[in-house]
Amino acid sequence: MSETLKRHQAVFQFGALVVIGLVAFWQSVAFDFVNWDDVTYVTHNELITSWSPSNLLGVATETVTRNYGPLTIFSFLIDHTLWGKNPSGYHATNVLLHLVNGVLVFLLLKRLTGNQFVAWLTAALFLVHPVQIESVVWISSRKGLLCSVFLLSAAIVRLRPEVTAKQDAWYIGLLIAALLSKALAIVFPPIVLLYDLLIRREKSAPAIARQIIPGLLSLLLLFYTASVQNTVLGGVRGHMDFSLLHIMAIDVTILWKYIGMLCWPTNLCVMYDPQTSEIGKKVVVGLIGWVAVGYAFWRVRNTQPLWILGAGSFLLLLFPVLNFFRITTLMNDRYLYLPSIVVFAVAAGAVHRILRFAEVESSGLVQHLGNSLRGMVAVGVLAACLTLTLKHLPVWQNSQTLWAHAISQYPKLPVLRIQMALAVHALGQEREAIRQLQVAMLECQPDDQDRERMRNMIGEWETRITDRRKLATALSRHADSAN
């Protein structure tokens, strides 16, 4: 293939990724903010309202919603400067960051696999898969998108057979940027170490030594982030007091749920309430399945080290959200944003291998048929994912549509009713908001924290209604006396 055709091919590949990403998510630019962290990150965040020295200091040092991510808040400061409180600009930034990540996935997989088809199909699936909706359309998920830009860039710089001191310096700089966007980046040094041991075949002592500085930086951010996780209000909290063994049993089932979501992405939701009791049979079956998968990977550890790297990366990227360190949720779509790359790469590799005869030098007809079949499979899978994405996307249009959909999935989850009541109250429908909370207290069996929160909300809103009624009565009497 001539250099001109190669350049044109690259333009086509990048252009096609951008187009399908825009088709999948650009309509979200017309969506509103939602009352799930968007309030604290954007609409009521004083730190992003000006470039004053005090605000810049706050952006650099303060935590928002129990997260320390100064670069994320800085990105919101830029958005606020450009768009004010118009949600379209914030959504557009999220979509553009997602497109950048899709291109970076393509570049990374092309380097790691040496196969353009596998790299492109992986990136395309990453861009249009329905499980990415929460990460892209939820404005508050900016931290994950921005962190991914820096992590994927660091992977491109660092995951290579020969590494120079300059590339190591770039890797550390990009890691710092990722850490200052989201704490998830703490798992990247172990992934680099795994690459050095498996792919570069470096000895363990020098490989570990090269990760001391990145590891210390990651630990520093981890300790700081853990110190500000001082509240468990909101979300799902029933698992907070479970033993580590119980959490591990739940994780066995959740990991299979994640695989299922990536393979069959239906019934997606902003929040999940997975079963945590009477799951013995599911855990046993799940363990047998994971042991079989582990054995399969062990068998190919010497011949397919890239598979081992992928499996290790998948687990490491999910490790922070598997509740070994308790958080107020058990599973979310956004947790799969980067781990999904591994599953998509495996799927793309399977398609390529099944139709591998197309790569063999044979008759032109056979080669053409193989390439056509491969293309048809890719187009069919992408079309199915794109259809499901466009179908589910309107759920995130505003707070009312988001919580109405979530309640239809999990009608007994108190936090969903609370968020819906807040959404209704924001529309000025105070009595309806009170009614929804009263029904939730009767039907959802909230715990003491949620019950107390509901009572306080009802009391505050009823007081406001009473005060307005009294004021209206007083004004009416004053007008009558004046007449």
Protein backbone atom coordinates (compact mmCIF):
# COMPACT_ATOMS: atom_id res chain seq x y z
CA MET A 1 0.00 0.00 0.00
CA SER A 2 1.44 3.41 -0.96
CA GLU A 3 2.13 6.10 1.62
CA THR A 4 -0.67 8.22 0.17
CA LEU A 5 -3.19 5.40 0.56
CA LYS A 6 -1.93 4.74 4.08
CA ARG A 7 -2.47 8.38 5.01
CA HIS A 8 -5.94 8.32 3.48
CA GLN A 9 -6.71 5.10 5.32
CA ALA A 10 -5.70 6.71 8.63
CA VAL A 11 -7.89 9.74 7.91
CA PHE A 12 -10.81 7.45 7.10
CA GLN A 13 -10.30 5.40 10.27
CA PHE A 14 -10.13 8.43 12.54
CA GLY A 15 -12.96 10.16 10.71
CA ALA A 16 -15.23 7.13 10.95
CA LEU A 17 -14.62 6.89 14.71
CA VAL A 18 -15.47 10.56 15.20
CA VAL A 19 -18.61 10.30 13.08
CA ILE A 20 -20.06 7.26 14.84
CA GLY A 21 -19.22 8.80 18.21
CA LEU A 22 -21.06 11.98 17.26
CA VAL A 23 -24.04 10.04 15.92
CA ALA A 24 -24.24 8.14 19.19
CA PHE A 25 -23.98 11.02 21.64
CA TRP A 26 -24.32 14.45 20.04
CA GLN A 27 -28.06 14.68 20.79
CA SER A 28 -27.12 14.77 24.49
CA VAL A 29 -25.90 18.34 23.95
CA ALA A 30 -29.57 19.37 24.21
CA PHE A 31 -30.00 17.65 27.59
CA ASP A 32 -30.32 19.43 30.95
CA PHE A 33 -28.37 19.14 34.17
CA VAL A 34 -29.55 16.39 36.53
CA ASN A 35 -29.84 16.66 40.29
CA TRP A 36 -27.27 13.90 40.89
CA ASP A 37 -23.99 15.72 41.73
CA ASP A 38 -24.44 18.23 38.88
CA VAL A 39 -25.70 20.65 41.51
CA THR A 40 -22.51 20.51 43.59
CA TYR A 41 -20.12 20.23 40.65
CA VAL A 42 -21.65 22.96 38.49
CA THR A 43 -24.87 24.81 39.22
CA HIS A 44 -24.12 25.65 42.89
CA ASN A 45 -20.33 25.47 42.77
CA GLU A 46 -18.93 28.88 43.64
CA LEU A 47 -15.39 27.73 42.79
CA ILE A 48 -16.13 27.76 39.05
CA THR A 49 -17.85 31.16 38.89
CA SER A 50 -14.71 33.29 38.55
CA TRP A 51 -10.94 33.23 38.09
CA SER A 52 -10.25 35.06 41.34
CA PRO A 53 -7.13 33.99 43.30
CA SER A 54 -9.30 32.63 46.12
CA ASN A 55 -11.33 30.53 43.69
CA LEU A 56 -8.22 29.21 41.93
CA LEU A 57 -6.78 28.27 45.32
CA GLY A 58 -10.04 26.49 46.15
CA VAL A 59 -9.99 24.64 42.83
CA ALA A 60 -6.45 23.45 43.61
CA THR A 61 -7.05 22.42 47.22
CA GLU A 62 -10.70 21.73 48.01
CA THR A 63 -12.70 18.51 47.59
CA VAL A 64 -16.09 18.44 45.87
CA THR A 65 -18.60 15.67 46.65
CA ARG A 66 -15.91 13.79 48.59
CA ASN A 67 -13.57 13.74 45.60
CA TYR A 68 -10.31 15.57 45.06
CA GLY A 69 -9.98 16.35 41.37
CA PRO A 70 -8.63 19.86 40.77
CA LEU A 71 -8.20 19.36 37.02
CA THR A 72 -11.81 18.23 36.75
CA ILE A 73 -13.03 21.32 38.63
CA PHE A 74 -10.71 23.46 36.50
CA SER A 75 -12.38 22.05 33.38
CA PHE A 76 -15.75 23.10 34.80
CA LEU A 77 -14.29 26.57 35.46
CA ILE A 78 -13.38 26.81 31.76
CA ASP A 79 -16.85 25.59 30.78
CA HIS A 80 -18.52 28.11 33.08
CA THR A 81 -16.42 30.90 31.58
CA LEU A 82 -17.56 29.90 28.08
CA TRP A 83 -21.15 28.80 28.68
CA GLY A 84 -22.25 30.09 32.06
CA LYS A 85 -24.94 27.70 33.32
CA ASN A 86 -26.04 26.56 29.89
CA PRO A 87 -25.83 22.73 30.13
CA SER A 88 -25.26 22.32 26.39
CA GLY A 89 -21.65 23.48 26.63
CA TYR A 90 -20.84 21.05 29.44
CA HIS A 91 -22.43 18.17 27.54
CA ALA A 92 -20.51 19.12 24.39
CA THR A 93 -17.23 19.03 26.32
CA ASN A 94 -18.06 15.56 27.65
CA VAL A 95 -18.83 14.28 24.17
CA LEU A 96 -15.61 15.73 22.75
CA LEU A 97 -13.56 14.16 25.55
CA HIS A 98 -15.21 10.82 24.79
CA LEU A 99 -14.28 11.16 21.11
CA VAL A 100 -10.68 11.89 22.09
CA ASN A 101 -10.68 8.77 24.26
CA GLY A 102 -12.02 6.69 21.38
CA VAL A 103 -9.18 7.82 19.11
CA LEU A 104 -6.65 7.12 21.90
CA VAL A 105 -8.07 3.61 22.35
CA PHE A 106 -7.55 3.00 18.63
CA LEU A 107 -3.93 4.20 18.77
CA LEU A 108 -3.19 2.17 21.90
CA LEU A 109 -4.71 -1.08 20.61
CA LYS A 110 -3.01 -0.69 17.23
CA ARG A 111 0.34 -0.51 19.01
CA LEU A 112 -0.38 -3.37 21.41
CA THR A 113 -1.95 -5.79 18.93
CA GLY A 114 -0.44 -4.70 15.63
CA ASN A 115 -3.86 -5.31 14.08
CA GLN A 116 -5.75 -2.33 12.65
CA PHE A 117 -9.06 -4.17 12.40
CA VAL A 118 -9.01 -5.26 16.07
CA ALA A 119 -7.91 -1.78 17.16
CA TRP A 120 -10.57 0.02 15.11
CA LEU A 121 -13.47 -2.26 16.09
CA THR A 122 -12.46 -2.05 19.76
CA ALA A 123 -12.40 1.75 19.60
CA ALA A 124 -15.71 1.86 17.72
CA LEU A 125 -17.41 -0.37 20.31
CA PHE A 126 -15.91 1.78 23.05
CA LEU A 127 -17.43 4.88 21.44
CA VAL A 128 -20.99 3.66 20.81
CA HIS A 129 -21.71 0.96 23.40
CA PRO A 130 -24.76 1.74 25.60
CA VAL A 131 -22.84 1.10 28.82
CA GLN A 132 -20.87 4.30 28.11
CA ILE A 133 -23.97 6.51 28.28
CA GLU A 134 -23.63 7.36 31.97
CA SER A 135 -19.96 8.29 31.60
CA VAL A 136 -20.60 10.55 28.60
CA VAL A 137 -24.02 12.09 29.25
CA TRP A 138 -23.77 12.64 33.00
CA ILE A 139 -21.94 15.95 33.34
CA SER A 140 -20.61 15.01 36.78
CA SER A 141 -18.84 12.03 35.22
CA ARG A 142 -16.41 14.48 33.63
CA LYS A 143 -13.76 13.28 36.10
CA GLY A 144 -13.77 9.81 34.53
CA LEU A 145 -13.57 11.14 30.98
CA LEU A 146 -10.72 13.53 31.78
CA CYS A 147 -8.82 10.94 33.80
CA SER A 148 -9.16 8.52 30.89
CA VAL A 149 -7.65 11.03 28.44
CA PHE A 150 -4.50 11.21 30.56
CA LEU A 151 -4.38 7.48 31.36
CA LEU A 152 -4.78 6.40 27.74
CA SER A 153 -2.16 8.97 26.70
CA ALA A 154 0.17 7.63 29.40
CA ALA A 155 -0.43 4.09 28.16
CA ILE A 156 0.47 5.09 24.59
CA VAL A 157 3.65 6.76 25.82
CA ARG A 158 4.74 4.06 28.26
CA LEU A 159 3.46 0.66 27.07
CA ARG A 160 6.11 -0.04 24.46
CA PRO A 161 8.95 -2.56 24.08
CA GLU A 162 11.69 0.04 24.54
CA VAL A 163 11.23 2.93 26.96
CA THR A 164 13.48 5.97 27.16
CA ALA A 165 13.99 8.23 30.17
CA LYS A 166 12.03 10.95 28.36
CA GLN A 167 9.06 8.62 27.85
CA ASP A 168 9.19 7.61 31.52
CA ALA A 169 9.09 11.31 32.45
CA TRP A 170 6.07 11.86 30.18
CA TYR A 171 4.40 8.83 31.76
CA ILE A 172 4.84 10.26 35.27
CA GLY A 173 3.58 13.68 34.17
CA LEU A 174 0.48 12.23 32.52
CA LEU A 175 -0.11 9.99 35.55
CA ILE A 176 -0.06 13.05 37.81
CA ALA A 177 -2.61 14.76 35.56
CA ALA A 178 -4.80 11.65 35.68
CA LEU A 179 -4.51 11.46 39.48
CA LEU A 180 -5.54 15.12 39.72
CA SER A 181 -8.62 14.30 37.64
CA LYS A 182 -9.86 11.17 39.44
CA ALA A 183 -8.47 8.78 42.01
CA LEU A 184 -9.05 5.81 39.68
CA ALA A 185 -5.60 6.51 38.21
CA ILE A 186 -3.97 4.90 41.26
CA VAL A 187 -4.27 1.50 39.55
CA PHE A 188 -2.19 2.49 36.52
CA PRO A 189 1.33 1.89 37.95
CA PRO A 190 0.46 -1.79 38.66
CA ILE A 191 -0.76 -2.09 35.05
CA VAL A 192 2.55 -0.68 33.79
CA LEU A 193 4.42 -3.08 36.08
CA LEU A 194 2.39 -5.97 34.68
CA TYR A 195 3.27 -4.88 31.15
CA ASP A 196 6.98 -4.69 31.97
CA LEU A 197 6.96 -8.17 33.50
CA LEU A 198 4.76 -9.90 30.91
CA ILE A 199 5.49 -8.14 27.64
CA ARG A 200 8.93 -6.59 28.06
CA ARG A 201 10.10 -9.61 30.09
CA GLU A 202 11.91 -7.31 32.46
CA LYS A 203 13.25 -8.72 35.72
CA SER A 204 11.05 -8.03 38.72
CA ALA A 205 13.52 -5.98 40.78
CA PRO A 206 14.23 -3.25 38.18
CA ALA A 207 10.61 -3.32 37.01
CA ILE A 208 9.34 -2.66 40.54
CA ALA A 209 12.02 -0.01 41.12
CA ARG A 210 10.80 1.95 38.08
CA GLN A 211 7.31 2.13 39.60
CA ILE A 212 8.37 3.42 43.03
CA ILE A 213 7.79 7.10 42.23
CA PRO A 214 4.48 6.54 40.35
CA GLY A 215 3.39 4.18 43.14
CA LEU A 216 4.17 6.69 45.88
CA LEU A 217 2.28 9.42 44.03
CA SER A 218 -0.71 7.10 43.71
CA LEU A 219 -0.59 6.13 47.40
CA LEU A 220 -0.42 9.79 48.40
CA LEU A 221 -3.60 10.57 46.49
CA LEU A 222 -5.26 7.39 47.77
CA PHE A 223 -4.66 8.34 51.41
CA TYR A 224 -5.88 11.88 50.83
CA THR A 225 -9.02 10.71 49.02
CA ALA A 226 -9.78 8.16 51.75
CA SER A 227 -9.49 10.89 54.39
CA VAL A 228 -12.30 12.94 52.83
CA GLN A 229 -14.74 10.04 52.40
CA ASN A 230 -16.53 11.08 55.57
CA THR A 231 -20.17 10.53 54.73
CA VAL A 232 -22.31 7.65 53.51
CA LEU A 233 -25.44 9.68 52.74
CA GLY A 234 -27.17 8.68 49.53
CA GLY A 235 -26.68 5.70 47.28
CA VAL A 236 -27.04 2.10 48.42
CA ARG A 237 -25.76 1.44 51.94
CA GLY A 238 -27.03 -2.00 52.93
CA HIS A 239 -23.60 -3.54 52.28
CA MET A 240 -21.57 -1.07 54.34
CA ASP A 241 -21.37 -3.39 57.37
CA PHE A 242 -20.82 -6.64 55.47
CA SER A 243 -17.73 -8.72 56.16
CA LEU A 244 -14.92 -8.79 53.62
CA LEU A 245 -15.82 -12.39 52.74
CA HIS A 246 -19.44 -11.37 52.07
CA ILE A 247 -18.27 -8.50 49.86
CA MET A 248 -16.03 -10.85 47.90
CA ALA A 249 -18.95 -13.22 47.36
CA ILE A 250 -21.08 -10.35 46.05
CA ASP A 251 -18.21 -9.25 43.79
CA VAL A 252 -18.12 -12.69 42.19
CA THR A 253 -21.69 -12.19 40.98
CA ILE A 254 -21.23 -8.51 40.11
CA LEU A 255 -18.23 -9.21 37.87
CA TRP A 256 -20.36 -11.63 35.86
CA LYS A 257 -23.12 -9.02 35.73
CA TYR A 258 -20.60 -6.59 34.25
CA ILE A 259 -19.63 -9.11 31.57
CA GLY A 260 -23.32 -9.63 30.85
CA MET A 261 -23.92 -5.88 30.56
CA LEU A 262 -21.12 -5.59 28.01
CA CYS A 263 -22.37 -8.55 25.99
CA TRP A 264 -26.11 -7.82 26.29
CA PRO A 265 -26.54 -4.15 27.30
CA THR A 266 -30.21 -3.96 28.29
CA ASN A 267 -31.91 -2.85 31.52
CA LEU A 268 -29.23 -0.24 32.18
CA CYS A 269 -29.90 2.13 35.08
CA VAL A 270 -28.36 5.09 36.88
CA MET A 271 -28.24 2.98 40.05
CA TYR A 272 -28.44 -0.71 40.77
CA ASP A 273 -29.53 -2.68 43.81
CA PRO A 274 -27.96 -6.11 43.23
CA GLN A 275 -28.95 -9.03 45.40
CA THR A 276 -26.73 -9.36 48.47
CA SER A 277 -28.41 -12.17 50.40
CA GLU A 278 -29.34 -15.75 49.56
CA ILE A 279 -26.83 -15.76 46.70
CA GLY A 280 -24.98 -18.95 47.63
CA LYS A 281 -25.83 -20.82 44.41
CA LYS A 282 -24.95 -17.84 42.24
CA VAL A 283 -21.63 -17.45 44.02
CA VAL A 284 -20.75 -21.13 43.54
CA VAL A 285 -21.64 -21.05 39.85
CA GLY A 286 -19.81 -17.73 39.45
CA LEU A 287 -16.69 -19.09 41.15
CA ILE A 288 -16.68 -22.15 38.91
CA GLY A 289 -16.95 -19.85 35.90
CA TRP A 290 -14.08 -17.62 37.05
CA VAL A 291 -11.90 -20.62 37.88
CA ALA A 292 -12.49 -21.91 34.34
CA VAL A 293 -11.60 -18.50 32.89
CA GLY A 294 -8.52 -18.30 35.09
CA TYR A 295 -7.39 -21.77 34.02
CA ALA A 296 -7.84 -20.85 30.36
CA PHE A 297 -5.68 -17.77 30.79
CA TRP A 298 -3.08 -19.74 32.76
CA ARG A 299 -2.76 -22.20 29.89
CA VAL A 300 -1.83 -19.41 27.46
CA ARG A 301 0.28 -17.33 29.85
CA ASN A 302 3.47 -17.96 27.86
CA THR A 303 2.07 -17.82 24.34
CA GLN A 304 -0.47 -14.99 24.83
CA PRO A 305 0.95 -12.60 27.45
CA LEU A 306 -1.22 -9.79 26.06
CA TRP A 307 -4.32 -11.70 27.19
CA ILE A 308 -2.92 -11.90 30.71
CA LEU A 309 -2.19 -8.17 30.62
CA GLY A 310 -5.78 -7.52 29.53
CA ALA A 311 -7.28 -9.71 32.24
CA GLY A 312 -5.09 -8.13 34.89
CA SER A 313 -5.94 -4.62 33.67
CA PHE A 314 -9.66 -5.43 33.74
CA LEU A 315 -9.48 -6.50 37.38
CA LEU A 316 -7.17 -3.68 38.44
CA LEU A 317 -9.39 -1.00 36.85
CA LEU A 318 -12.41 -2.40 38.69
CA PHE A 319 -10.61 -3.03 42.00
CA PRO A 320 -11.26 0.46 43.50
CA VAL A 321 -15.04 0.03 43.08
CA LEU A 322 -15.40 -3.55 44.32
CA ASN A 323 -16.01 -2.30 47.88
CA PHE A 324 -12.89 -3.62 49.54
CA PHE A 325 -12.85 0.03 50.62
CA ARG A 326 -16.53 0.75 51.25
CA ILE A 327 -18.38 3.14 48.95
CA THR A 328 -22.10 3.86 48.79
CA THR A 329 -22.76 1.83 45.68
CA LEU A 330 -22.16 -1.73 44.57
CA MET A 331 -22.18 -1.36 40.79
CA ASN A 332 -22.54 1.35 38.16
CA ASP A 333 -22.30 1.63 34.38
CA ARG A 334 -19.55 4.25 34.61
CA TYR A 335 -17.23 1.79 36.36
CA LEU A 336 -16.94 -0.05 33.04
CA TYR A 337 -15.74 2.93 31.00
CA LEU A 338 -12.10 1.81 30.76
CA PRO A 339 -12.45 -1.90 31.73
CA SER A 340 -14.80 -2.34 28.77
CA ILE A 341 -11.84 -1.85 26.43
CA VAL A 342 -10.50 -5.27 27.41
CA VAL A 343 -13.80 -7.05 26.69
CA PHE A 344 -14.28 -5.18 23.40
CA ALA A 345 -10.73 -6.07 22.34
CA VAL A 346 -11.38 -9.74 23.09
CA ALA A 347 -14.60 -9.60 21.04
CA ALA A 348 -12.87 -7.84 18.14
CA GLY A 349 -10.01 -10.34 18.30
CA ALA A 350 -12.49 -13.23 18.21
CA VAL A 351 -14.14 -11.83 15.08
CA HIS A 352 -10.73 -11.43 13.46
CA ARG A 353 -9.60 -14.95 14.38
CA ILE A 354 -12.79 -16.64 13.23
CA LEU A 355 -12.46 -15.01 9.82
CA ARG A 356 -8.69 -15.19 9.77
CA PHE A 357 -8.64 -17.07 6.48
CA ALA A 358 -9.27 -13.67 4.89
CA GLU A 359 -5.72 -12.71 5.83
CA VAL A 360 -4.22 -15.74 4.13
CA GLU A 361 -2.74 -15.23 0.70
CA SER A 362 -5.22 -17.12 -1.42
CA SER A 363 -7.50 -16.44 -4.31
CA GLY A 364 -8.81 -12.92 -4.62
CA LEU A 365 -12.39 -14.16 -4.30
CA VAL A 366 -11.76 -15.93 -0.97
CA GLN A 367 -9.90 -12.97 0.43
CA HIS A 368 -12.61 -10.58 -0.68
CA LEU A 369 -15.30 -12.82 0.85
CA GLY A 370 -13.45 -13.02 4.15
CA ASN A 371 -12.96 -9.27 4.34
CA SER A 372 -16.61 -8.73 3.45
CA LEU A 373 -17.80 -11.10 6.18
CA ARG A 374 -15.56 -9.44 8.71
CA GLY A 375 -16.85 -6.03 7.75
CA MET A 376 -20.47 -7.19 7.86
CA VAL A 377 -20.02 -8.62 11.37
CA ALA A 378 -18.42 -5.38 12.54
CA VAL A 379 -21.15 -3.23 11.00
CA GLY A 380 -23.89 -5.46 12.43
CA VAL A 381 -22.49 -5.35 15.97
CA LEU A 382 -21.93 -1.60 15.83
CA ALA A 383 -25.42 -0.99 14.42
CA ALA A 384 -26.97 -3.02 17.24
CA CYS A 385 -25.00 -1.12 19.89
CA LEU A 386 -25.80 2.23 18.29
CA THR A 387 -29.51 1.40 18.17
CA LEU A 388 -29.57 0.48 21.86
CA THR A 389 -27.60 3.61 22.77
CA LEU A 390 -29.95 5.93 20.90
CA LYS A 391 -32.91 4.17 22.50
CA HIS A 392 -31.61 4.51 26.08
CA LEU A 393 -30.03 7.96 25.73
CA PRO A 394 -33.24 10.02 26.34
CA VAL A 395 -33.45 8.55 29.85
CA TRP A 396 -30.75 11.10 30.79
CA GLN A 397 -32.60 14.06 29.26
CA ASN A 398 -33.37 15.63 32.65
CA SER A 399 -33.84 14.73 36.30
CA GLN A 400 -37.47 13.70 35.89
CA THR A 401 -36.82 11.26 33.04
CA LEU A 402 -33.75 9.87 34.81
CA TRP A 403 -35.45 9.08 38.12
CA ALA A 404 -38.72 7.94 36.53
CA HIS A 405 -36.76 5.32 34.58
CA ALA A 406 -34.74 4.30 37.65
CA ILE A 407 -37.87 3.92 39.79
CA SER A 408 -39.43 1.73 37.11
CA GLN A 409 -36.37 -0.54 37.47
CA TYR A 410 -36.05 -0.44 41.28
CA PRO A 411 -39.31 0.85 42.80
CA LYS A 412 -38.28 -0.04 46.37
CA LEU A 413 -34.99 1.88 46.44
CA PRO A 414 -35.47 4.91 48.75
CA VAL A 415 -32.72 7.10 47.30
CA LEU A 416 -34.44 7.06 43.89
CA ARG A 417 -37.68 8.33 45.44
CA ILE A 418 -35.77 11.06 47.29
CA GLN A 419 -34.11 12.24 44.08
CA MET A 420 -37.43 12.22 42.23
CA ALA A 421 -39.02 14.25 45.02
CA LEU A 422 -36.19 16.78 44.74
CA ALA A 423 -36.68 16.94 40.97
CA VAL A 424 -40.42 17.51 41.34
CA HIS A 425 -39.83 20.12 44.05
CA ALA A 426 -37.44 21.99 41.74
CA LEU A 427 -40.35 22.35 39.29
CA GLY A 428 -42.38 24.10 42.02
CA GLN A 429 -44.62 21.10 42.73
CA GLU A 430 -44.05 21.04 46.49
CA ARG A 431 -47.17 19.14 47.48
CA GLU A 432 -46.46 16.43 44.93
CA ALA A 433 -42.88 16.21 46.22
CA ILE A 434 -44.16 15.78 49.79
CA ARG A 435 -46.64 13.15 48.65
CA GLN A 436 -43.90 11.16 46.91
CA LEU A 437 -41.78 11.12 50.06
CA GLN A 438 -44.72 10.08 52.21
CA VAL A 439 -45.48 7.19 49.85
CA ALA A 440 -41.80 6.21 49.82
CA MET A 441 -41.67 6.09 53.62
CA LEU A 442 -44.58 3.65 53.57
CA GLU A 443 -43.54 1.48 50.63
CA CYS A 444 -39.73 1.46 50.44
CA GLN A 445 -38.70 0.55 53.99
CA PRO A 446 -35.97 3.20 54.20
CA ASP A 447 -33.21 2.84 56.80
CA ASP A 448 -32.92 5.29 59.69
CA GLN A 449 -30.73 7.73 57.75
CA ASP A 450 -33.04 7.92 54.74
CA ARG A 451 -36.15 8.05 56.95
CA GLU A 452 -34.71 10.95 58.91
CA ARG A 453 -33.74 12.72 55.70
CA MET A 454 -37.25 12.30 54.30
CA ARG A 455 -38.85 13.60 57.49
CA ASN A 456 -36.59 16.67 57.48
CA MET A 457 -37.40 17.38 53.82
CA ILE A 458 -41.14 17.01 54.42
CA GLY A 459 -40.98 19.21 57.50
CA GLU A 460 -39.00 21.92 55.71
CA TRP A 461 -41.29 21.96 52.68
CA GLU A 462 -44.49 21.95 54.78
CA THR A 463 -43.12 24.85 56.82
CA ARG A 464 -42.49 26.84 53.65
CA ILE A 465 -46.02 26.16 52.40
CA THR A 466 -47.47 27.21 55.77
CA ASP A 467 -45.34 30.37 55.90
CA ARG A 468 -46.43 31.39 52.41
CA ARG A 469 -50.06 30.74 53.30
CA LYS A 470 -49.73 32.89 56.42
CA LEU A 471 -48.03 35.64 54.45
CA ALA A 472 -50.73 35.55 51.79
CA THR A 473 -53.45 35.71 54.49
CA ALA A 474 -51.74 38.67 56.19
CA LEU A 475 -51.37 40.54 52.91
CA SER A 476 -55.03 39.89 52.09
CA ARG A 477 -56.16 41.23 55.47
CA HIS A 478 -53.95 44.28 55.10
CA ALA A 479 -55.45 44.96 51.69
CA ASP A 480 -58.97 44.58 53.06
CA SER A 481 -58.27 46.98 55.94
CA ALA A 482 -56.76 49.49 53.55
CA ASN A 483 -59.96 49.42 51.51
